Amino acid sequence: MINLSLAAAFADTVLWIYIVLLVLGGLAGYLKAKSKPSLIASVAFAAALALCALNVITLNYAADLLLTALLVVFSLRLAKTRKFIPAGLMLSLTLATLILRHFQG
């Protein structure tokens, strides 16, 4: 069994990596397609997730709720565009993050 503090550190590390990738994805969307909504949404979700990672938002499952909302958003975008990049990639990363945050080794 994995130590609880080690599990929490792993979950936080996974979340921080996802936050960086989320912002980079929004920035890429802005630079490639001049999509301000993409940049604004990615930064807003990243900021909220960062507050969860920093324990400013102390609701136990706040990060999971935000990730689930992102799963819905990226699923709808993938269904609409039928293109793996960027919605399918972000959907996959979001799902992996949600799973890995609860991985107990």
N, C-alpha and C. Protein backbone atom coordinates (compact mmCIF):
# COMPACT_ATOMS: atom_id res chain seq x y z
N MET A 1 0.85 -1.18 0.00
CA MET A 1 0.00 0.00 0.00
C MET A 1 0.88 1.23 0.00
N ILE A 2 0.47 2.23 -0.69
CA ILE A 2 1.27 3.45 -0.81
C ILE A 2 0.96 4.41 0.35
N ASN A 3 1.97 5.09 0.82
CA ASN A 3 1.81 6.08 1.88
C ASN A 3 0.85 7.17 1.43
N LEU A 4 -0.05 7.61 2.32
CA LEU A 4 -1.05 8.62 1.95
C LEU A 4 -0.42 9.93 1.55
N SER A 5 0.64 10.36 2.23
CA SER A 5 1.28 11.62 1.86
C SER A 5 1.96 11.50 0.50
N LEU A 6 2.49 10.32 0.20
CA LEU A 6 3.10 10.08 -1.11
C LEU A 6 2.03 10.09 -2.20
N ALA A 7 0.88 9.51 -1.90
CA ALA A 7 -0.24 9.51 -2.85
C ALA A 7 -0.73 10.92 -3.11
N ALA A 8 -0.82 11.73 -2.07
CA ALA A 8 -1.25 13.13 -2.22
C ALA A 8 -0.24 13.91 -3.04
N ALA A 9 1.03 13.67 -2.81
CA ALA A 9 2.08 14.36 -3.58
C ALA A 9 2.00 13.96 -5.05
N PHE A 10 1.76 12.67 -5.31
CA PHE A 10 1.63 12.20 -6.69
C PHE A 10 0.43 12.85 -7.37
N ALA A 11 -0.70 12.90 -6.66
CA ALA A 11 -1.91 13.52 -7.21
C ALA A 11 -1.68 14.99 -7.51
N ASP A 12 -0.97 15.69 -6.63
CA ASP A 12 -0.68 17.10 -6.86
C ASP A 12 0.26 17.29 -8.04
N THR A 13 1.26 16.42 -8.16
CA THR A 13 2.20 16.51 -9.29
C THR A 13 1.47 16.29 -10.61
N VAL A 14 0.62 15.28 -10.65
CA VAL A 14 -0.17 15.02 -11.86
C VAL A 14 -1.03 16.24 -12.20
N LEU A 15 -1.64 16.84 -11.19
CA LEU A 15 -2.49 18.01 -11.42
C LEU A 15 -1.67 19.19 -11.93
N TRP A 16 -0.49 19.44 -11.37
CA TRP A 16 0.34 20.55 -11.83
C TRP A 16 0.79 20.36 -13.29
N ILE A 17 1.13 19.13 -13.64
CA ILE A 17 1.51 18.85 -15.03
C ILE A 17 0.33 19.14 -15.95
N TYR A 18 -0.86 18.71 -15.55
CA TYR A 18 -2.06 18.96 -16.35
C TYR A 18 -2.33 20.46 -16.48
N ILE A 19 -2.15 21.20 -15.40
CA ILE A 19 -2.38 22.65 -15.43
C ILE A 19 -1.48 23.30 -16.48
N VAL A 20 -0.21 22.92 -16.49
CA VAL A 20 0.73 23.48 -17.46
C VAL A 20 0.30 23.12 -18.89
N LEU A 21 -0.08 21.86 -19.10
CA LEU A 21 -0.51 21.43 -20.43
C LEU A 21 -1.80 22.13 -20.85
N LEU A 22 -2.69 22.38 -19.92
CA LEU A 22 -3.94 23.07 -20.21
C LEU A 22 -3.67 24.50 -20.68
N VAL A 23 -2.79 25.20 -19.99
CA VAL A 23 -2.45 26.57 -20.38
C VAL A 23 -1.73 26.58 -21.73
N LEU A 24 -0.81 25.65 -21.92
CA LEU A 24 -0.11 25.57 -23.21
C LEU A 24 -1.09 25.28 -24.34
N GLY A 25 -2.08 24.44 -24.09
CA GLY A 25 -3.10 24.16 -25.10
C GLY A 25 -3.93 25.39 -25.43
N GLY A 26 -4.30 26.14 -24.43
CA GLY A 26 -5.05 27.38 -24.67
C GLY A 26 -4.22 28.40 -25.42
N LEU A 27 -2.95 28.47 -25.07
CA LEU A 27 -2.04 29.39 -25.76
C LEU A 27 -1.84 28.97 -27.20
N ALA A 28 -1.72 27.68 -27.44
CA ALA A 28 -1.59 27.17 -28.81
C ALA A 28 -2.84 27.49 -29.62
N GLY A 29 -4.01 27.32 -29.02
CA GLY A 29 -5.26 27.65 -29.70
C GLY A 29 -5.34 29.13 -30.05
N TYR A 30 -4.84 29.96 -29.16
CA TYR A 30 -4.84 31.40 -29.42
C TYR A 30 -3.85 31.76 -30.53
N LEU A 31 -2.66 31.19 -30.47
CA LEU A 31 -1.63 31.52 -31.46
C LEU A 31 -1.97 30.97 -32.85
N LYS A 32 -2.56 29.78 -32.89
CA LYS A 32 -2.87 29.16 -34.18
C LYS A 32 -4.15 29.70 -34.79
N ALA A 33 -5.20 29.82 -34.00
CA ALA A 33 -6.52 30.18 -34.54
C ALA A 33 -7.04 31.52 -34.02
N LYS A 34 -6.20 32.23 -33.27
CA LYS A 34 -6.61 33.51 -32.68
C LYS A 34 -7.87 33.35 -31.82
N SER A 35 -7.95 32.23 -31.12
CA SER A 35 -9.12 31.91 -30.31
C SER A 35 -8.95 32.45 -28.89
N LYS A 36 -9.52 33.62 -28.66
CA LYS A 36 -9.48 34.20 -27.31
C LYS A 36 -10.28 33.36 -26.32
N PRO A 37 -11.44 32.82 -26.71
CA PRO A 37 -12.18 31.97 -25.76
C PRO A 37 -11.35 30.77 -25.29
N SER A 38 -10.57 30.19 -26.18
CA SER A 38 -9.73 29.05 -25.82
C SER A 38 -8.70 29.46 -24.76
N LEU A 39 -8.07 30.59 -24.97
CA LEU A 39 -7.07 31.08 -24.02
C LEU A 39 -7.72 31.44 -22.68
N ILE A 40 -8.83 32.15 -22.73
CA ILE A 40 -9.51 32.57 -21.50
C ILE A 40 -10.00 31.36 -20.70
N ALA A 41 -10.62 30.41 -21.39
CA ALA A 41 -11.14 29.22 -20.70
C ALA A 41 -10.01 28.39 -20.10
N SER A 42 -8.94 28.23 -20.84
CA SER A 42 -7.83 27.42 -20.32
C SER A 42 -7.20 28.07 -19.10
N VAL A 43 -7.00 29.38 -19.15
CA VAL A 43 -6.40 30.08 -18.02
C VAL A 43 -7.36 30.07 -16.81
N ALA A 44 -8.65 30.24 -17.06
CA ALA A 44 -9.62 30.23 -15.96
C ALA A 44 -9.66 28.86 -15.28
N PHE A 45 -9.74 27.79 -16.06
CA PHE A 45 -9.76 26.45 -15.48
C PHE A 45 -8.43 26.14 -14.81
N ALA A 46 -7.32 26.56 -15.43
CA ALA A 46 -6.00 26.32 -14.84
C ALA A 46 -5.88 27.05 -13.50
N ALA A 47 -6.38 28.27 -13.43
CA ALA A 47 -6.32 29.03 -12.18
C ALA A 47 -7.14 28.33 -11.09
N ALA A 48 -8.33 27.88 -11.45
CA ALA A 48 -9.17 27.18 -10.47
C ALA A 48 -8.50 25.87 -10.01
N LEU A 49 -7.91 25.14 -10.95
CA LEU A 49 -7.22 23.90 -10.59
C LEU A 49 -5.98 24.19 -9.74
N ALA A 50 -5.29 25.28 -10.03
CA ALA A 50 -4.12 25.66 -9.23
C ALA A 50 -4.54 25.98 -7.80
N LEU A 51 -5.68 26.64 -7.64
CA LEU A 51 -6.19 26.93 -6.29
C LEU A 51 -6.50 25.63 -5.55
N CYS A 52 -6.97 24.63 -6.28
CA CYS A 52 -7.20 23.31 -5.66
C CYS A 52 -5.87 22.67 -5.25
N ALA A 53 -4.90 22.73 -6.14
CA ALA A 53 -3.59 22.12 -5.86
C ALA A 53 -2.89 22.81 -4.69
N LEU A 54 -3.12 24.11 -4.54
CA LEU A 54 -2.51 24.87 -3.45
C LEU A 54 -3.33 24.80 -2.16
N ASN A 55 -4.42 24.05 -2.19
CA ASN A 55 -5.34 23.89 -1.05
C ASN A 55 -5.98 25.20 -0.62
N VAL A 56 -6.12 26.13 -1.55
CA VAL A 56 -6.89 27.34 -1.28
C VAL A 56 -8.37 26.99 -1.36
N ILE A 57 -8.71 26.20 -2.36
CA ILE A 57 -10.06 25.61 -2.44
C ILE A 57 -9.95 24.27 -1.73
N THR A 58 -10.64 24.15 -0.62
CA THR A 58 -10.45 22.97 0.24
C THR A 58 -11.51 21.89 0.07
N LEU A 59 -12.47 22.10 -0.80
CA LEU A 59 -13.47 21.07 -1.08
C LEU A 59 -12.74 19.85 -1.63
N ASN A 60 -12.92 18.70 -1.01
CA ASN A 60 -12.15 17.51 -1.36
C ASN A 60 -12.17 17.16 -2.84
N TYR A 61 -13.32 17.30 -3.47
CA TYR A 61 -13.43 16.85 -4.85
C TYR A 61 -13.57 18.01 -5.84
N ALA A 62 -13.15 19.19 -5.48
CA ALA A 62 -13.27 20.35 -6.37
C ALA A 62 -12.48 20.13 -7.67
N ALA A 63 -11.26 19.65 -7.55
CA ALA A 63 -10.44 19.41 -8.74
C ALA A 63 -11.09 18.36 -9.64
N ASP A 64 -11.65 17.32 -9.01
CA ASP A 64 -12.32 16.27 -9.78
C ASP A 64 -13.56 16.82 -10.50
N LEU A 65 -14.28 17.70 -9.85
CA LEU A 65 -15.45 18.32 -10.49
C LEU A 65 -15.04 19.19 -11.67
N LEU A 66 -13.96 19.94 -11.51
CA LEU A 66 -13.46 20.76 -12.62
C LEU A 66 -12.97 19.89 -13.77
N LEU A 67 -12.26 18.84 -13.45
CA LEU A 67 -11.78 17.92 -14.50
C LEU A 67 -12.95 17.25 -15.21
N THR A 68 -13.99 16.90 -14.46
CA THR A 68 -15.17 16.30 -15.08
C THR A 68 -15.86 17.28 -16.01
N ALA A 69 -15.94 18.54 -15.60
CA ALA A 69 -16.51 19.57 -16.48
C ALA A 69 -15.69 19.70 -17.75
N LEU A 70 -14.37 19.62 -17.62
CA LEU A 70 -13.51 19.68 -18.80
C LEU A 70 -13.69 18.45 -19.69
N LEU A 71 -13.94 17.29 -19.09
CA LEU A 71 -14.23 16.10 -19.89
C LEU A 71 -15.46 16.33 -20.76
N VAL A 72 -16.48 16.94 -20.18
CA VAL A 72 -17.70 17.23 -20.94
C VAL A 72 -17.41 18.22 -22.07
N VAL A 73 -16.69 19.29 -21.75
CA VAL A 73 -16.37 20.31 -22.76
C VAL A 73 -15.59 19.70 -23.91
N PHE A 74 -14.53 18.95 -23.58
CA PHE A 74 -13.70 18.37 -24.64
C PHE A 74 -14.45 17.28 -25.42
N SER A 75 -15.34 16.56 -24.76
CA SER A 75 -16.16 15.56 -25.46
C SER A 75 -17.09 16.23 -26.47
N LEU A 76 -17.71 17.32 -26.05
CA LEU A 76 -18.59 18.06 -26.97
C LEU A 76 -17.82 18.64 -28.14
N ARG A 77 -16.63 19.17 -27.86
CA ARG A 77 -15.79 19.73 -28.93
C ARG A 77 -15.36 18.64 -29.91
N LEU A 78 -14.98 17.48 -29.38
CA LEU A 78 -14.58 16.36 -30.25
C LEU A 78 -15.75 15.88 -31.09
N ALA A 79 -16.92 15.79 -30.50
CA ALA A 79 -18.11 15.37 -31.25
C ALA A 79 -18.44 16.37 -32.35
N LYS A 80 -18.23 17.64 -32.07
CA LYS A 80 -18.54 18.67 -33.04
C LYS A 80 -17.53 18.72 -34.19
N THR A 81 -16.24 18.67 -33.85
CA THR A 81 -15.20 18.83 -34.88
C THR A 81 -14.76 17.52 -35.50
N ARG A 82 -14.88 16.44 -34.75
CA ARG A 82 -14.41 15.11 -35.18
C ARG A 82 -12.92 15.09 -35.50
N LYS A 83 -12.18 16.00 -34.86
CA LYS A 83 -10.73 16.06 -35.03
C LYS A 83 -10.07 15.76 -33.69
N PHE A 84 -9.09 14.84 -33.73
CA PHE A 84 -8.44 14.45 -32.49
C PHE A 84 -7.67 15.61 -31.86
N ILE A 85 -7.01 16.39 -32.70
CA ILE A 85 -6.26 17.54 -32.20
C ILE A 85 -7.13 18.77 -32.36
N PRO A 86 -7.40 19.55 -31.34
CA PRO A 86 -6.91 19.47 -29.98
C PRO A 86 -7.87 18.79 -29.00
N ALA A 87 -9.15 18.71 -29.35
CA ALA A 87 -10.16 18.25 -28.37
C ALA A 87 -9.93 16.81 -27.92
N GLY A 88 -9.63 15.93 -28.84
CA GLY A 88 -9.41 14.52 -28.48
C GLY A 88 -8.19 14.34 -27.61
N LEU A 89 -7.14 15.08 -27.92
CA LEU A 89 -5.92 15.02 -27.12
C LEU A 89 -6.18 15.52 -25.71
N MET A 90 -6.86 16.66 -25.59
CA MET A 90 -7.15 17.21 -24.27
C MET A 90 -8.14 16.32 -23.52
N LEU A 91 -9.07 15.70 -24.23
CA LEU A 91 -9.98 14.75 -23.60
C LEU A 91 -9.19 13.59 -23.00
N SER A 92 -8.24 13.06 -23.76
CA SER A 92 -7.41 11.95 -23.28
C SER A 92 -6.56 12.36 -22.09
N LEU A 93 -5.94 13.54 -22.16
CA LEU A 93 -5.12 14.02 -21.05
C LEU A 93 -5.95 14.27 -19.79
N THR A 94 -7.14 14.80 -19.99
CA THR A 94 -8.02 15.06 -18.85
C THR A 94 -8.45 13.76 -18.18
N LEU A 95 -8.82 12.78 -18.97
CA LEU A 95 -9.22 11.49 -18.43
C LEU A 95 -8.04 10.83 -17.71
N ALA A 96 -6.86 10.88 -18.32
CA ALA A 96 -5.67 10.30 -17.68
C ALA A 96 -5.37 11.00 -16.36
N THR A 97 -5.52 12.31 -16.33
CA THR A 97 -5.28 13.06 -15.10
C THR A 97 -6.26 12.65 -14.02
N LEU A 98 -7.52 12.55 -14.38
CA LEU A 98 -8.55 12.16 -13.41
C LEU A 98 -8.26 10.77 -12.86
N ILE A 99 -7.85 9.86 -13.71
CA ILE A 99 -7.55 8.49 -13.27
C ILE A 99 -6.28 8.47 -12.40
N LEU A 100 -5.22 9.11 -12.87
CA LEU A 100 -3.95 9.08 -12.16
C LEU A 100 -4.01 9.76 -10.79
N ARG A 101 -4.88 10.76 -10.66
CA ARG A 101 -5.03 11.43 -9.37
C ARG A 101 -5.56 10.47 -8.30
N HIS A 102 -6.20 9.39 -8.73
CA HIS A 102 -6.77 8.44 -7.79
C HIS A 102 -6.06 7.09 -7.81
N PHE A 103 -4.94 7.04 -8.50
CA PHE A 103 -4.14 5.82 -8.59
C PHE A 103 -3.48 5.57 -7.23
N GLN A 104 -3.64 4.40 -6.70
CA GLN A 104 -3.09 4.08 -5.38
C GLN A 104 -1.91 3.11 -5.41
N GLY A 105 -1.43 2.81 -6.61
CA GLY A 105 -0.24 1.98 -6.72
C GLY A 105 -0.49 0.55 -6.49
